[in-house]
């Protein structure tokens, strides 16, 4: 396994962990201040946790984080199995760059509309950018 593929798997795993955490908190299955997350990453009252209650936490009627969990699991499966026919590879690259574009909008909303700092959100968006770059390099 080459370094780019391993890096993408690590990023997707971290993204899946963060997205699963957001999803479980969103649906009330997990307390935002759980010990499963390092203290610096926890969903504090006026930061990430508040973001979950805004309209920006959903796209296509479901939580962004739930879509993220599915996306990251598909990325991990494709990278681990090497099963990426051209149409699937191209589709995955398109989805990766769509997440970056959506992320730019969500970052704008964080800073200029709802004005709530969310370091964990920004970490997720950075992961998505890294994945988009790596997937483009790996799958093209």
Protein backbone atom coordinates (compact mmCIF):
# COMPACT_ATOMS: atom_id res chain seq x y z
CA UNK A 1 0.00 0.00 0.00
CA UNK A 2 1.44 3.35 -1.02
CA UNK A 3 1.68 6.43 1.19
CA UNK A 4 -1.13 8.34 -0.55
CA UNK A 5 -3.58 5.45 -0.17
CA UNK A 6 -2.63 4.96 3.49
CA UNK A 7 -2.95 8.70 4.16
CA UNK A 8 -6.40 8.74 2.57
CA UNK A 9 -7.51 5.75 4.67
CA UNK A 10 -6.27 7.48 7.84
CA UNK A 11 -8.07 10.73 6.91
CA UNK A 12 -11.28 8.87 6.05
CA UNK A 13 -11.12 6.95 9.33
CA UNK A 14 -10.69 10.20 11.30
CA UNK A 15 -13.52 11.76 9.29
CA UNK A 16 -15.79 8.77 9.98
CA UNK A 17 -15.05 9.01 13.70
CA UNK A 18 -15.89 12.72 13.83
CA UNK A 19 -18.98 12.29 11.64
CA UNK A 20 -20.22 9.37 13.76
CA UNK A 21 -19.74 11.45 16.90
CA UNK A 22 -21.71 14.37 15.41
CA UNK A 23 -24.45 11.99 14.23
CA UNK A 24 -24.82 10.25 17.59
CA UNK A 25 -24.96 13.60 19.39
CA UNK A 26 -27.42 14.97 16.81
CA UNK A 27 -29.85 12.09 17.41
CA UNK A 28 -29.34 12.18 21.18
CA UNK A 29 -27.69 8.75 21.44
CA UNK A 30 -24.49 10.20 22.86
CA UNK A 31 -23.77 12.98 25.31
CA UNK A 32 -21.78 15.78 23.65
CA UNK A 33 -19.22 15.72 26.46
CA UNK A 34 -18.45 12.02 26.24
CA UNK A 35 -14.98 10.78 27.07
CA UNK A 36 -14.84 9.18 23.62
CA UNK A 37 -13.58 12.52 22.32
CA UNK A 38 -10.55 14.41 23.59
CA UNK A 39 -11.61 17.46 25.59
CA UNK A 40 -10.37 19.89 22.94
CA UNK A 41 -12.68 18.24 20.39
CA UNK A 42 -15.85 17.95 22.43
CA UNK A 43 -19.00 19.71 21.35
CA UNK A 44 -19.07 22.57 23.82
CA UNK A 45 -22.25 24.54 24.51
CA UNK A 46 -21.58 27.65 22.35
CA UNK A 47 -19.52 25.97 19.69
CA UNK A 48 -20.04 22.79 17.73
CA UNK A 49 -23.03 21.57 19.75
CA UNK A 50 -24.98 24.72 18.90
CA UNK A 51 -24.23 24.25 15.20
CA UNK A 52 -26.13 20.94 15.27
CA UNK A 53 -29.35 22.86 15.97
CA UNK A 54 -29.05 25.14 12.95
CA UNK A 55 -30.38 24.64 9.43
CA UNK A 56 -26.78 24.32 8.28
CA UNK A 57 -26.44 20.94 10.02
CA UNK A 58 -28.64 19.28 7.39
CA UNK A 59 -28.45 18.84 3.66
CA UNK A 60 -31.01 16.88 1.63
CA UNK A 61 -33.09 16.59 4.84
CA UNK A 62 -30.59 14.49 6.80
CA UNK A 63 -27.71 15.49 9.04
CA UNK A 64 -24.53 16.34 7.12
CA UNK A 65 -22.66 14.07 9.51
CA UNK A 66 -24.78 11.03 8.64
CA UNK A 67 -24.01 11.55 4.96
CA UNK A 68 -20.37 11.96 6.01
CA UNK A 69 -20.34 8.60 7.77
CA UNK A 70 -21.62 6.91 4.60
CA UNK A 71 -19.13 8.78 2.42
CA UNK A 72 -16.14 7.96 4.61
CA UNK A 73 -17.09 4.28 4.85
CA UNK A 74 -17.39 4.05 1.06
CA UNK A 75 -14.00 5.75 0.65
CA UNK A 76 -12.40 3.34 3.12
CA UNK A 77 -13.98 0.32 1.42
CA UNK A 78 -12.86 1.43 -2.05
CA UNK A 79 -9.32 2.18 -0.90
CA UNK A 80 -8.94 -1.06 1.07
CA UNK A 81 -10.36 -3.32 -1.63
CA UNK A 82 -8.93 -1.46 -4.61
CA UNK A 83 -12.33 -1.95 -6.22
CA UNK A 84 -12.70 1.24 -8.21
CA UNK A 85 -14.01 0.78 -11.72
CA UNK A 86 -13.64 3.99 -13.75
CA UNK A 87 -17.25 5.14 -13.24
CA UNK A 88 -17.08 4.56 -9.47
CA UNK A 89 -13.70 6.26 -9.20
CA UNK A 90 -14.93 9.28 -11.16
CA UNK A 91 -18.13 9.44 -9.08
CA UNK A 92 -16.16 9.26 -5.84
CA UNK A 93 -13.88 12.08 -6.99
CA UNK A 94 -16.93 14.20 -7.89
CA UNK A 95 -18.49 13.57 -4.48
CA UNK A 96 -15.18 14.41 -2.79
CA UNK A 97 -14.99 17.80 -4.52
CA UNK A 98 -18.70 18.43 -3.90
CA UNK A 99 -18.02 17.99 -0.17
CA UNK A 100 -15.25 20.58 -0.45
CA UNK A 101 -17.56 23.04 -2.22
CA UNK A 102 -20.31 22.46 0.34
CA UNK A 103 -17.70 22.82 3.07
CA UNK A 104 -16.71 26.26 1.79
CA UNK A 105 -20.33 27.36 2.05
CA UNK A 106 -20.64 25.88 5.55
CA UNK A 107 -17.41 27.57 6.66
CA UNK A 108 -18.78 30.86 5.36
CA UNK A 109 -21.99 30.22 7.34
CA UNK A 110 -19.99 29.43 10.49
CA UNK A 111 -17.98 32.63 10.34
CA UNK A 112 -20.40 35.15 8.86
CA UNK A 113 -23.99 33.98 9.39
CA UNK A 114 -24.32 31.99 12.61
CA UNK A 115 -21.00 33.21 14.02
CA UNK A 116 -20.34 30.13 16.09
CA UNK A 117 -16.81 28.79 16.34
CA UNK A 118 -16.66 25.08 15.62
CA UNK A 119 -13.12 23.68 15.55
CA UNK A 120 -14.42 20.16 14.98
CA UNK A 121 -16.41 21.35 11.95
CA UNK A 122 -13.31 23.00 10.51
CA UNK A 123 -11.32 19.82 11.13
CA UNK A 124 -13.91 17.85 9.17
CA UNK A 125 -13.75 20.31 6.29
CA UNK A 126 -9.94 20.10 6.25
CA UNK A 127 -10.19 16.31 6.16
CA UNK A 128 -12.56 16.57 3.19
CA UNK A 129 -10.13 18.80 1.29
CA UNK A 130 -7.25 16.42 1.99
CA UNK A 131 -9.35 13.46 0.87
CA UNK A 132 -10.45 15.21 -2.33
CA UNK A 133 -6.83 15.91 -3.26
CA UNK A 134 -5.67 12.39 -2.38
CA UNK A 135 -8.59 10.63 -4.08
CA UNK A 136 -8.01 12.63 -7.24
CA UNK A 137 -4.32 11.61 -7.22
CA UNK A 138 -5.02 7.96 -6.37
CA UNK A 139 -8.05 7.24 -8.55
CA UNK A 140 -7.25 9.21 -11.72
